[in-house]
C-alpha atoms as a PDB file:
ATOM      1  CA  MET A   1     -23.428 -27.878 -14.255  1.00  0.00           C
ATOM      2  CA  LYS A   2     -26.779 -25.749 -15.056  1.00  0.00           C
ATOM      3  CA  GLN A   3     -28.649 -28.264 -14.073  1.00  0.00           C
ATOM      4  CA  LEU A   4     -26.773 -28.474 -10.571  1.00  0.00           C
ATOM      5  CA  ALA A   5     -29.740 -26.882  -8.734  1.00  0.00           C
ATOM      6  CA  THR A   6     -32.852 -28.406  -9.957  1.00  0.00           C
ATOM      7  CA  SER A   7     -30.422 -32.333  -9.997  1.00  0.00           C
ATOM      8  CA  VAL A   8     -30.270 -31.401  -6.402  1.00  0.00           C
ATOM      9  CA  SER A   9     -34.090 -30.578  -5.566  1.00  0.00           C
ATOM     10  CA  ARG A  10     -35.149 -33.339  -7.371  1.00  0.00           C
ATOM     11  CA  GLY A  11     -33.041 -35.689  -4.825  1.00  0.00           C
ATOM     12  CA  LYS A  12     -31.214 -37.126  -8.024  1.00  0.00           C
ATOM     13  CA  ARG A  13     -27.481 -36.601  -6.477  1.00  0.00           C
ATOM     14  CA  LYS A  14     -25.450 -34.237  -4.208  1.00  0.00           C
ATOM     15  CA  ILE A  15     -22.959 -31.078  -5.209  1.00  0.00           C
ATOM     16  CA  THR A  16     -19.239 -32.721  -5.084  1.00  0.00           C
ATOM     17  CA  LEU A  17     -17.020 -30.020  -3.245  1.00  0.00           C
ATOM     18  CA  THR A  18     -13.344 -28.877  -3.594  1.00  0.00           C
ATOM     19  CA  ILE A  19     -11.561 -26.904  -1.144  1.00  0.00           C
ATOM     20  CA  GLY A  20      -8.541 -25.089  -2.382  1.00  0.00           C
ATOM     21  CA  ILE A  21      -5.992 -23.533   0.002  1.00  0.00           C
ATOM     22  CA  PRO A  22      -2.961 -21.480  -1.024  1.00  0.00           C
ATOM     23  CA  ALA A  23      -0.597 -21.794   1.360  1.00  0.00           C
ATOM     24  CA  PHE A  24       2.599 -19.752   2.400  1.00  0.00           C
ATOM     25  CA  ASN A  25       4.228 -19.682   6.003  1.00  0.00           C
ATOM     26  CA  GLU A  26       0.762 -20.568   7.645  1.00  0.00           C
ATOM     27  CA  GLU A  27       2.599 -23.252  10.277  1.00  0.00           C
ATOM     28  CA  LYS A  28       0.388 -21.216  13.262  1.00  0.00           C
ATOM     29  CA  THR A  29      -3.058 -21.652  11.360  1.00  0.00           C
ATOM     30  CA  ILE A  30      -2.931 -24.233   8.787  1.00  0.00           C
ATOM     31  CA  SER A  31      -3.785 -27.498  11.104  1.00  0.00           C
ATOM     32  CA  ASP A  32      -6.423 -25.828  12.768  1.00  0.00           C
ATOM     33  CA  LEU A  33      -8.194 -24.565   9.412  1.00  0.00           C
ATOM     34  CA  LEU A  34      -8.261 -27.991   8.215  1.00  0.00           C
ATOM     35  CA  LYS A  35      -9.757 -29.633  10.851  1.00  0.00           C
ATOM     36  CA  ALA A  36     -12.520 -27.012  11.249  1.00  0.00           C
ATOM     37  CA  ILE A  37     -13.133 -27.619   7.615  1.00  0.00           C
ATOM     38  CA  LEU A  38     -13.657 -31.280   8.537  1.00  0.00           C
ATOM     39  CA  GLN A  39     -15.938 -30.155  11.492  1.00  0.00           C
ATOM     40  CA  GLN A  40     -18.418 -28.474   9.021  1.00  0.00           C
ATOM     41  CA  GLN A  41     -21.495 -30.191   8.425  1.00  0.00           C
ATOM     42  CA  LEU A  42     -22.878 -30.614   5.052  1.00  0.00           C
ATOM     43  CA  ASP A  43     -25.951 -30.909   3.568  1.00  0.00           C
ATOM     44  CA  ASN A  44     -26.551 -31.872  -0.199  1.00  0.00           C
ATOM     45  CA  VAL A  45     -22.539 -31.525  -0.449  1.00  0.00           C
ATOM     46  CA  VAL A  46     -20.198 -34.267  -0.759  1.00  0.00           C
ATOM     47  CA  LEU A  47     -16.771 -33.050   0.173  1.00  0.00           C
ATOM     48  CA  LYS A  48     -14.387 -34.615  -2.170  1.00  0.00           C
ATOM     49  CA  GLU A  49     -11.141 -33.516  -1.623  1.00  0.00           C
ATOM     50  CA  ILE A  50      -9.183 -30.323   0.449  1.00  0.00           C
ATOM     51  CA  ILE A  51      -5.885 -29.152  -1.832  1.00  0.00           C
ATOM     52  CA  VAL A  52      -3.645 -27.259   0.360  1.00  0.00           C
ATOM     53  CA  ASN A  53      -0.888 -25.511  -2.238  1.00  0.00           C
ATOM     54  CA  VAL A  54       2.483 -24.987  -0.160  1.00  0.00           C
ATOM     55  CA  SER A  55       4.324 -22.603  -1.872  1.00  0.00           C
ATOM     56  CA  GLY A  56       7.954 -21.555  -1.088  1.00  0.00           C
ATOM     57  CA  SER A  57       7.304 -21.721   2.634  1.00  0.00           C
ATOM     58  CA  THR A  58      10.298 -21.142   4.749  1.00  0.00           C
ATOM     59  CA  ASP A  59       8.433 -22.608   8.142  1.00  0.00           C
ATOM     60  CA  SER A  60       6.865 -26.120   9.301  1.00  0.00           C
ATOM     61  CA  THR A  61       3.508 -25.742   7.063  1.00  0.00           C
ATOM     62  CA  GLU A  62       4.191 -28.401   4.752  1.00  0.00           C
ATOM     63  CA  ALA A  63       5.126 -30.769   7.732  1.00  0.00           C
ATOM     64  CA  HIS A  64       1.548 -29.783   9.411  1.00  0.00           C
ATOM     65  CA  VAL A  65      -0.286 -30.373   6.152  1.00  0.00           C
ATOM     66  CA  LYS A  66       1.342 -33.953   5.797  1.00  0.00           C
ATOM     67  CA  LYS A  67       0.087 -34.881   9.665  1.00  0.00           C
ATOM     68  CA  MET A  68      -3.119 -33.674   8.231  1.00  0.00           C
ATOM     69  CA  VAL A  69      -3.208 -35.927   5.303  1.00  0.00           C
ATOM     70  CA  ASN A  70      -2.922 -38.918   7.672  1.00  0.00           C
ATOM     71  CA  VAL A  71      -5.664 -37.865   9.303  1.00  0.00           C
ATOM     72  CA  ASP A  72      -7.798 -37.377   6.273  1.00  0.00           C
ATOM     73  CA  SER A  73      -7.320 -39.375   3.087  1.00  0.00           C
ATOM     74  CA  ARG A  74      -9.570 -35.958   1.807  1.00  0.00           C
ATOM     75  CA  ILE A  75      -6.590 -33.452   2.586  1.00  0.00           C
ATOM     76  CA  LYS A  76      -3.840 -33.512  -0.647  1.00  0.00           C
ATOM     77  CA  LEU A  77      -0.722 -31.663  -0.657  1.00  0.00           C
ATOM     78  CA  ILE A  78       0.951 -29.875  -3.753  1.00  0.00           C
ATOM     79  CA  SER A  79       4.246 -28.663  -2.830  1.00  0.00           C
ATOM     80  CA  ASN A  80       5.880 -25.939  -4.856  1.00  0.00           C
ATOM     81  CA  ARG A  81       9.287 -24.801  -3.691  1.00  0.00           C
ATOM     82  CA  LYS A  82       9.320 -21.747  -5.463  1.00  0.00           C
ATOM     83  CA  ARG A  83       6.951 -19.141  -4.457  1.00  0.00           C
ATOM     84  CA  GLU A  84       5.150 -17.382  -7.802  1.00  0.00           C
ATOM     85  CA  GLY A  85       2.375 -15.488  -6.439  1.00  0.00           C
ATOM     86  CA  LYS A  86      -1.639 -16.651  -5.607  1.00  0.00           C
ATOM     87  CA  ALA A  87      -2.783 -16.773  -9.147  1.00  0.00           C
ATOM     88  CA  SER A  88      -0.283 -19.552  -9.948  1.00  0.00           C
ATOM     89  CA  ALA A  89      -1.091 -21.223  -6.489  1.00  0.00           C
ATOM     90  CA  LEU A  90      -4.383 -21.368  -7.270  1.00  0.00           C
ATOM     91  CA  ASN A  91      -3.764 -22.536 -10.882  1.00  0.00           C
ATOM     92  CA  ASP A  92      -2.483 -25.563  -9.218  1.00  0.00           C
ATOM     93  CA  ILE A  93      -5.252 -26.523  -7.752  1.00  0.00           C
ATOM     94  CA  LEU A  94      -7.763 -25.632 -10.367  1.00  0.00           C
ATOM     95  CA  GLN A  95      -5.828 -28.210 -12.495  1.00  0.00           C
ATOM     96  CA  GLU A  96      -6.442 -30.822  -9.759  1.00  0.00           C
ATOM     97  CA  ALA A  97     -10.303 -29.919  -8.731  1.00  0.00           C
ATOM     98  CA  HIS A  98     -12.890 -32.113 -10.371  1.00  0.00           C
ATOM     99  CA  CYS A  99     -16.137 -31.272  -8.989  1.00  0.00           C
ATOM    100  CA  ASP A 100     -18.950 -28.751  -9.038  1.00  0.00           C
ATOM    101  CA  ILE A 101     -18.337 -26.214  -6.564  1.00  0.00           C
ATOM    102  CA  LEU A 102     -14.791 -24.746  -5.823  1.00  0.00           C
ATOM    103  CA  LEU A 103     -14.491 -23.476  -2.472  1.00  0.00           C
ATOM    104  CA  PHE A 104     -11.060 -20.890  -1.914  1.00  0.00           C
ATOM    105  CA  ILE A 105     -10.014 -20.352   1.500  1.00  0.00           C
ATOM    106  CA  ASP A 106      -6.651 -18.865   2.195  1.00  0.00           C
ATOM    107  CA  GLY A 107      -4.794 -20.490   5.018  1.00  0.00           C
ATOM    108  CA  ASP A 108      -4.794 -18.038   7.461  1.00  0.00           C
ATOM    109  CA  VAL A 109      -8.496 -17.772   8.184  1.00  0.00           C
ATOM    110  CA  MET A 110     -10.651 -19.218  10.768  1.00  0.00           C
ATOM    111  CA  LEU A 111     -14.078 -20.610  10.458  1.00  0.00           C
ATOM    112  CA  GLU A 112     -17.176 -19.988  12.401  1.00  0.00           C
ATOM    113  CA  LYS A 113     -19.272 -23.192  12.869  1.00  0.00           C
ATOM    114  CA  ASP A 114     -21.626 -22.904  10.194  1.00  0.00           C
ATOM    115  CA  SER A 115     -19.562 -21.027   7.851  1.00  0.00           C
ATOM    116  CA  ILE A 116     -19.065 -23.146   4.798  1.00  0.00           C
ATOM    117  CA  PRO A 117     -22.767 -24.475   4.964  1.00  0.00           C
ATOM    118  CA  ASN A 118     -24.026 -21.042   5.039  1.00  0.00           C
ATOM    119  CA  LEU A 119     -21.957 -19.904   1.882  1.00  0.00           C
ATOM    120  CA  LEU A 120     -23.179 -23.128   0.002  1.00  0.00           C
ATOM    121  CA  ASN A 121     -26.641 -22.722   0.718  1.00  0.00           C
ATOM    122  CA  SER A 122     -26.932 -19.807  -1.757  1.00  0.00           C
ATOM    123  CA  PHE A 123     -26.277 -21.994  -4.659  1.00  0.00           C
ATOM    124  CA  PHE A 124     -29.549 -23.535  -3.922  1.00  0.00           C
ATOM    125  CA  GLN A 125     -31.058 -20.406  -4.995  1.00  0.00           C
ATOM    126  CA  GLY A 126     -30.963 -21.264  -8.585  1.00  0.00           C
ATOM    127  CA  ASP A 127     -29.279 -21.893 -11.480  1.00  0.00           C
ATOM    128  CA  LYS A 128     -27.975 -18.528 -11.930  1.00  0.00           C
ATOM    129  CA  VAL A 129     -25.884 -17.955  -8.983  1.00  0.00           C
ATOM    130  CA  GLY A 130     -22.348 -18.562 -10.063  1.00  0.00           C
ATOM    131  CA  ILE A 131     -20.034 -17.408  -7.025  1.00  0.00           C
ATOM    132  CA  CYS A 132     -21.117 -16.814  -3.351  1.00  0.00           C
ATOM    133  CA  THR A 133     -18.647 -14.586  -1.203  1.00  0.00           C
ATOM    134  CA  GLY A 134     -18.091 -14.501   2.541  1.00  0.00           C
ATOM    135  CA  ASN A 135     -18.261 -12.100   5.498  1.00  0.00           C
ATOM    136  CA  THR A 136     -14.419 -11.527   6.323  1.00  0.00           C
ATOM    137  CA  MET A 137     -13.978  -9.999   9.643  1.00  0.00           C
ATOM    138  CA  PRO A 138     -11.022  -9.221  11.923  1.00  0.00           C
ATOM    139  CA  LEU A 139      -9.890 -11.270  14.425  1.00  0.00           C
ATOM    140  CA  LYS A 140      -9.665  -9.288  17.914  1.00  0.00           C
ATOM    141  CA  GLN A 141      -6.454  -8.649  19.043  1.00  0.00           C
ATOM    142  CA  ARG A 142      -5.163  -6.129  21.666  1.00  0.00           C
ATOM    143  CA  GLY A 143      -6.906  -2.870  20.509  1.00  0.00           C
ATOM    144  CA  GLY A 144      -5.395   0.377  19.530  1.00  0.00           C
ATOM    145  CA  PHE A 145      -5.393   2.180  16.048  1.00  0.00           C
ATOM    146  CA  PHE A 146      -4.888  -0.646  13.471  1.00  0.00           C
ATOM    147  CA  GLU A 147      -7.665  -2.824  14.773  1.00  0.00           C
ATOM    148  CA  PHE A 148     -10.095  -0.273  14.893  1.00  0.00           C
ATOM    149  CA  THR A 149      -8.958   0.523  10.820  1.00  0.00           C
ATOM    150  CA  SER A 150      -9.152  -3.162  10.207  1.00  0.00           C
ATOM    151  CA  LEU A 151     -12.694  -3.315  12.069  1.00  0.00           C
ATOM    152  CA  PHE A 152     -13.640  -0.031   9.985  1.00  0.00           C
ATOM    153  CA  ILE A 153     -12.611  -1.114   6.902  1.00  0.00           C
ATOM    154  CA  ARG A 154     -14.298  -4.832   7.045  1.00  0.00           C
ATOM    155  CA  SER A 155     -17.401  -3.464   8.203  1.00  0.00           C
ATOM    156  CA  LEU A 156     -17.085  -0.914   5.174  1.00  0.00           C
ATOM    157  CA  HIS A 157     -16.903  -4.046   2.949  1.00  0.00           C
ATOM    158  CA  HIS A 158     -19.892  -5.511   4.892  1.00  0.00           C
ATOM    159  CA  GLU A 159     -22.246  -2.569   4.056  1.00  0.00           C
ATOM    160  CA  LEU A 160     -21.513  -1.759   0.713  1.00  0.00           C
ATOM    161  CA  CYS A 161     -22.231  -5.631  -0.194  1.00  0.00           C
ATOM    162  CA  ASN A 162     -25.760  -5.700   1.868  1.00  0.00           C
ATOM    163  CA  TYR A 163     -26.239  -2.126  -0.227  1.00  0.00           C
ATOM    164  CA  LEU A 164     -25.484  -3.525  -3.528  1.00  0.00           C
ATOM    165  CA  MET A 165     -27.348  -7.006  -2.869  1.00  0.00           C
ATOM    166  CA  SER A 166     -30.402  -4.987  -1.573  1.00  0.00           C
ATOM    167  CA  ARG A 167     -30.416  -2.709  -5.275  1.00  0.00           C
ATOM    168  CA  GLY A 168     -29.876  -5.716  -7.555  1.00  0.00           C
ATOM    169  CA  LEU A 169     -26.729  -4.951  -8.053  1.00  0.00           C
ATOM    170  CA  VAL A 170     -22.921  -6.916  -7.891  1.00  0.00           C
ATOM    171  CA  PRO A 171     -21.464  -7.025  -4.556  1.00  0.00           C
ATOM    172  CA  LYS A 172     -17.460  -7.120  -3.991  1.00  0.00           C
ATOM    173  CA  VAL A 173     -15.854 -10.948  -4.110  1.00  0.00           C
ATOM    174  CA  ASP A 174     -13.857 -11.610  -1.107  1.00  0.00           C
ATOM    175  CA  GLY A 175     -10.958 -13.528  -1.949  1.00  0.00           C
ATOM    176  CA  SER A 176     -10.014 -15.157   1.490  1.00  0.00           C
ATOM    177  CA  PHE A 177     -13.099 -17.091   1.152  1.00  0.00           C
ATOM    178  CA  TYR A 178     -15.668 -17.519  -1.766  1.00  0.00           C
ATOM    179  CA  ALA A 179     -17.281 -20.526  -3.745  1.00  0.00           C
ATOM    180  CA  ILE A 180     -17.468 -20.344  -7.381  1.00  0.00           C
ATOM    181  CA  ARG A 181     -19.006 -23.166  -9.913  1.00  0.00           C
ATOM    182  CA  ARG A 182     -16.126 -25.065 -11.204  1.00  0.00           C
ATOM    183  CA  ASP A 183     -16.830 -24.707 -15.225  1.00  0.00           C
ATOM    184  CA  ILE A 184     -16.637 -21.072 -15.058  1.00  0.00           C
ATOM    185  CA  LEU A 185     -13.188 -20.854 -14.233  1.00  0.00           C
ATOM    186  CA  ASN A 186     -10.465 -22.339 -15.946  1.00  0.00           C
ATOM    187  CA  CYS A 187      -7.197 -20.245 -14.945  1.00  0.00           C
ATOM    188  CA  PHE A 188      -5.870 -17.035 -13.710  1.00  0.00           C
ATOM    189  CA  PRO A 189      -3.937 -15.192 -15.379  1.00  0.00           C
ATOM    190  CA  LEU A 190      -0.442 -15.081 -13.172  1.00  0.00           C
ATOM    191  CA  LYS A 191      -0.120 -11.478 -12.629  1.00  0.00           C
ATOM    192  CA  VAL A 192      -3.765 -11.091 -11.488  1.00  0.00           C
ATOM    193  CA  ILE A 193      -3.716  -9.987  -7.653  1.00  0.00           C
ATOM    194  CA  SER A 194      -7.575  -9.850  -7.835  1.00  0.00           C
ATOM    195  CA  ASP A 195      -8.173 -12.867  -7.888  1.00  0.00           C
ATOM    196  CA  ASP A 196     -11.855 -12.554  -6.426  1.00  0.00           C
ATOM    197  CA  GLU A 197     -12.636 -10.058  -8.719  1.00  0.00           C
ATOM    198  CA  TYR A 198     -11.123 -11.677 -11.984  1.00  0.00           C
ATOM    199  CA  ALA A 199     -13.749 -14.836 -11.520  1.00  0.00           C
ATOM    200  CA  SER A 200     -16.277 -12.110 -10.251  1.00  0.00           C
ATOM    201  CA  LEU A 201     -16.293 -10.861 -13.896  1.00  0.00           C
ATOM    202  CA  LEU A 202     -15.924 -14.235 -15.813  1.00  0.00           C
ATOM    203  CA  ALA A 203     -18.736 -15.442 -13.574  1.00  0.00           C
ATOM    204  CA  GLN A 204     -20.485 -11.960 -14.690  1.00  0.00           C
ATOM    205  CA  LYS A 205     -20.200 -12.568 -18.672  1.00  0.00           C
ATOM    206  CA  LYS A 206     -21.844 -15.982 -18.427  1.00  0.00           C
ATOM    207  CA  GLY A 207     -24.753 -14.819 -17.148  1.00  0.00           C
ATOM    208  CA  TYR A 208     -24.392 -15.950 -13.724  1.00  0.00           C
ATOM    209  CA  ARG A 209     -24.864 -13.929 -10.026  1.00  0.00           C
ATOM    210  CA  ILE A 210     -22.997 -12.766  -7.615  1.00  0.00           C
ATOM    211  CA  VAL A 211     -24.288 -13.686  -3.756  1.00  0.00           C
ATOM    212  CA  TYR A 212     -22.866 -11.893  -0.849  1.00  0.00           C
ATOM    213  CA  VAL A 213     -23.591 -14.281   2.445  1.00  0.00           C
ATOM    214  CA  PRO A 214     -23.321 -12.193   5.550  1.00  0.00           C
ATOM    215  CA  ASN A 215     -23.814 -15.197   7.970  1.00  0.00           C
ATOM    216  CA  ALA A 216     -21.068 -16.983   6.084  1.00  0.00           C
ATOM    217  CA  LEU A 217     -18.411 -15.431   8.586  1.00  0.00           C
ATOM    218  CA  VAL A 218     -14.937 -15.912   8.692  1.00  0.00           C
ATOM    219  CA  TYR A 219     -12.078 -13.976  10.265  1.00  0.00           C
ATOM    220  CA  VAL A 220      -8.417 -13.136   9.218  1.00  0.00           C
ATOM    221  CA  LYS A 221      -5.468 -11.507  11.242  1.00  0.00           C
ATOM    222  CA  ASP A 222      -4.844  -8.004   9.635  1.00  0.00           C
ATOM    223  CA  PRO A 223      -1.974  -6.202   9.563  1.00  0.00           C
ATOM    224  CA  SER A 224      -1.346  -4.371  12.930  1.00  0.00           C
ATOM    225  CA  SER A 225       1.826  -1.760  11.779  1.00  0.00           C
ATOM    226  CA  PHE A 226       2.187   1.457   9.780  1.00  0.00           C
ATOM    227  CA  TYR A 227       3.909  -0.394   7.132  1.00  0.00           C
ATOM    228  CA  GLY A 228       1.830  -3.758   7.038  1.00  0.00           C
ATOM    229  CA  PHE A 229      -1.188  -1.561   6.697  1.00  0.00           C
ATOM    230  CA  VAL A 230      -0.138   0.619   3.967  1.00  0.00           C
ATOM    231  CA  GLU A 231       1.448  -2.774   1.851  1.00  0.00           C
ATOM    232  CA  TRP A 232      -2.060  -4.423   2.178  1.00  0.00           C
ATOM    233  CA  GLN A 233      -3.822  -1.538   0.958  1.00  0.00           C
ATOM    234  CA  LYS A 234      -1.451  -0.672  -1.846  1.00  0.00           C
ATOM    235  CA  ARG A 235      -2.090  -4.406  -2.822  1.00  0.00           C
ATOM    236  CA  VAL A 236      -5.616  -4.193  -3.163  1.00  0.00           C
ATOM    237  CA  ILE A 237      -5.634  -1.136  -4.946  1.00  0.00           C
ATOM    238  CA  SER A 238      -2.742  -1.620  -7.481  1.00  0.00           C
ATOM    239  CA  GLY A 239      -5.147  -4.923  -7.673  1.00  0.00           C
ATOM    240  CA  GLN A 240      -8.165  -2.983  -8.730  1.00  0.00           C
ATOM    241  CA  MET A 241      -6.220  -0.661 -11.040  1.00  0.00           C
ATOM    242  CA  PHE A 242      -4.805  -3.857 -12.667  1.00  0.00           C
ATOM    243  CA  MET A 243      -8.821  -5.243 -13.365  1.00  0.00           C
ATOM    244  CA  LYS A 244      -9.498  -1.611 -14.680  1.00  0.00           C
ATOM    245  CA  LYS A 245      -6.478  -1.431 -17.324  1.00  0.00           C
ATOM    246  CA  HIS A 246      -6.371  -5.167 -18.535  1.00  0.00           C
ATOM    247  CA  PHE A 247      -9.938  -6.224 -18.176  1.00  0.00           C
ATOM    248  CA  ASN A 248     -11.943  -2.758 -18.069  1.00  0.00           C
ATOM    249  CA  TYR A 249     -13.543  -4.112 -15.164  1.00  0.00           C
ATOM    250  CA  ARG A 250     -14.400  -1.492 -12.275  1.00  0.00           C
ATOM    251  CA  VAL A 251     -14.724  -3.380  -8.787  1.00  0.00           C
ATOM    252  CA  PRO A 252     -18.036  -2.506  -7.528  1.00  0.00           C
ATOM    253  CA  THR A 253     -17.177  -1.278  -4.033  1.00  0.00           C
ATOM    254  CA  MET A 254     -15.131   1.448  -6.176  1.00  0.00           C
ATOM    255  CA  GLN A 255     -18.551   3.500  -7.236  1.00  0.00           C
ATOM    256  CA  ALA A 256     -17.820   7.023  -5.794  1.00  0.00           C
ATOM    257  CA  SER A 257     -21.579   7.333  -4.804  1.00  0.00           C
ATOM    258  CA  VAL A 258     -22.003   3.744  -3.240  1.00  0.00           C
ATOM    259  CA  ALA A 259     -18.857   4.343  -1.097  1.00  0.00           C
ATOM    260  CA  THR A 260     -19.411   7.627  -0.046  1.00  0.00           C
ATOM    261  CA  TYR A 261     -23.095   6.834   1.296  1.00  0.00           C
ATOM    262  CA  CYS A 262     -21.728   3.311   3.008  1.00  0.00           C
ATOM    263  CA  TRP A 263     -18.749   5.403   4.731  1.00  0.00           C
ATOM    264  CA  LEU A 264     -20.944   8.547   5.909  1.00  0.00           C
ATOM    265  CA  ARG A 265     -23.480   5.589   7.640  1.00  0.00           C
ATOM    266  CA  LEU A 266     -19.946   4.352   9.385  1.00  0.00           C
ATOM    267  CA  TRP A 267     -18.723   7.561  10.262  1.00  0.00           C
ATOM    268  CA  LYS A 268     -22.318   8.332  12.417  1.00  0.00           C
ATOM    269  CA  LYS A 269     -21.815   4.922  13.962  1.00  0.00           C
ATOM    270  CA  HIS A 270     -18.232   5.294  15.123  1.00  0.00           C
ATOM    271  CA  LYS A 271     -18.477   9.346  15.636  1.00  0.00           C
ATOM    272  CA  ARG A 272     -16.151   8.849  18.406  1.00  0.00           C
ATOM    273  CA  LYS A 273     -13.228   7.553  16.785  1.00  0.00           C
ATOM    274  CA  ALA A 274     -13.099  10.602  14.296  1.00  0.00           C
ATOM    275  CA  PHE A 275      -9.538  11.110  14.587  1.00  0.00           C
ATOM    276  CA  SER A 276      -8.921   7.630  13.679  1.00  0.00           C
ATOM    277  CA  ILE A 277     -11.019   7.709  10.909  1.00  0.00           C
ATOM    278  CA  ILE A 278      -9.337  11.079   9.658  1.00  0.00           C
ATOM    279  CA  ALA A 279      -5.942   9.228  10.452  1.00  0.00           C
ATOM    280  CA  LEU A 280      -7.540   5.982   8.244  1.00  0.00           C
ATOM    281  CA  LEU A 281      -8.354   8.690   5.175  1.00  0.00           C
ATOM    282  CA  PHE A 282      -4.769   9.794   5.503  1.00  0.00           C
ATOM    283  CA  LEU A 283      -3.288   6.341   5.309  1.00  0.00           C
ATOM    284  CA  GLY A 284      -5.780   5.911   2.672  1.00  0.00           C
ATOM    285  CA  GLY A 285      -4.434   8.349   0.409  1.00  0.00           C
ATOM    286  CA  ILE A 286      -0.891   7.513   1.243  1.00  0.00           C
ATOM    287  CA  SER A 287      -1.660   3.725  -0.154  1.00  0.00           C
ATOM    288  CA  PHE A 288      -3.545   5.108  -3.187  1.00  0.00           C
ATOM    289  CA  ILE A 289      -0.657   7.162  -4.360  1.00  0.00           C
ATOM    290  CA  LEU A 290       2.138   4.484  -3.557  1.00  0.00           C
ATOM    291  CA  ALA A 291      -0.587   2.066  -5.533  1.00  0.00           C
ATOM    292  CA  PHE A 292      -0.498   4.392  -8.165  1.00  0.00           C
ATOM    293  CA  ILE A 293       3.041   4.769  -8.413  1.00  0.00           C
ATOM    294  CA  THR A 294       3.313   0.908  -8.747  1.00  0.00           C
ATOM    295  CA  TYR A 295       0.770   0.718 -11.227  1.00  0.00           C
ATOM    296  CA  ILE A 296       2.424   3.375 -13.493  1.00  0.00           C
ATOM    297  CA  ARG A 297       5.677   1.618 -13.092  1.00  0.00           C
ATOM    298  CA  ASN A 298       4.369  -1.930 -14.095  1.00  0.00           C
ATOM    299  CA  GLU A 299       5.362  -3.526 -10.841  1.00  0.00           C
ATOM    300  CA  VAL A 300       2.542  -5.631  -9.842  1.00  0.00           C
ATOM    301  CA  PRO A 301       2.920  -7.160  -6.492  1.00  0.00           C
ATOM    302  CA  TYR A 302       1.563 -10.286  -7.342  1.00  0.00           C
ATOM    303  CA  ILE A 303       3.673 -11.948  -5.406  1.00  0.00           C
ATOM    304  CA  TYR A 304       2.860 -12.187  -1.963  1.00  0.00           C
END
């Protein structure tokens, strides 16, 4: 794998790619996602397989995947009746993936036309690139408070990653859409919520760089209710606490100085939305308290 970029540059071979998709009740999006993947134009990359792990779904997600299996033989289905968490679903995919690069995409993601080639191009920058992470933004909905908060949080992530990259620091990996060299990772601990940050930690330990790719753009539908928003943020924060406790790893975007600088930049950009930003801070505080309670009770919400 260390010779991957060199071999490609000399024309000896193309990189092999496996795409892994954990899916739970994604009947509304899974077919469109698979079709969008098949339409991506890949250069110097051979798409070997698309592995969809449908775990514990109670809708017609599995039926939609089976139809797509008949469309393209590279699409493979893993069917699990029991839902055991994202880490478990990813581990099943890892066992089946025999490739140079493994790209993880959540089942509710919508791709831009060139999202995947834009992401993978960063691997040709040199042998030391271990993970490439994309730019996840929210789908436009009906407007209102929760659409703004989602946009603010996603934009903050974008600002933070650009800031960290510009200073030669490690950006935050986004679990919705990231690619990793296959030999970096064998399995995820089952109770890890932040699979993206665990992968980032392993890559860094092996001397690899983490690259944020702003033009590898994808979209997701974020929560649009008080309960959904708080649960989302509680899960994210408790996952970061878990990483700190068990692996002594601090997520890059948790650095107070960096986060404050980027937050203030966004505040100035959206100063007309000052009330909404203050409300967002309040919700963030509630989410942090609930995450901390979850953390000290050892009630890790790894099944979601």
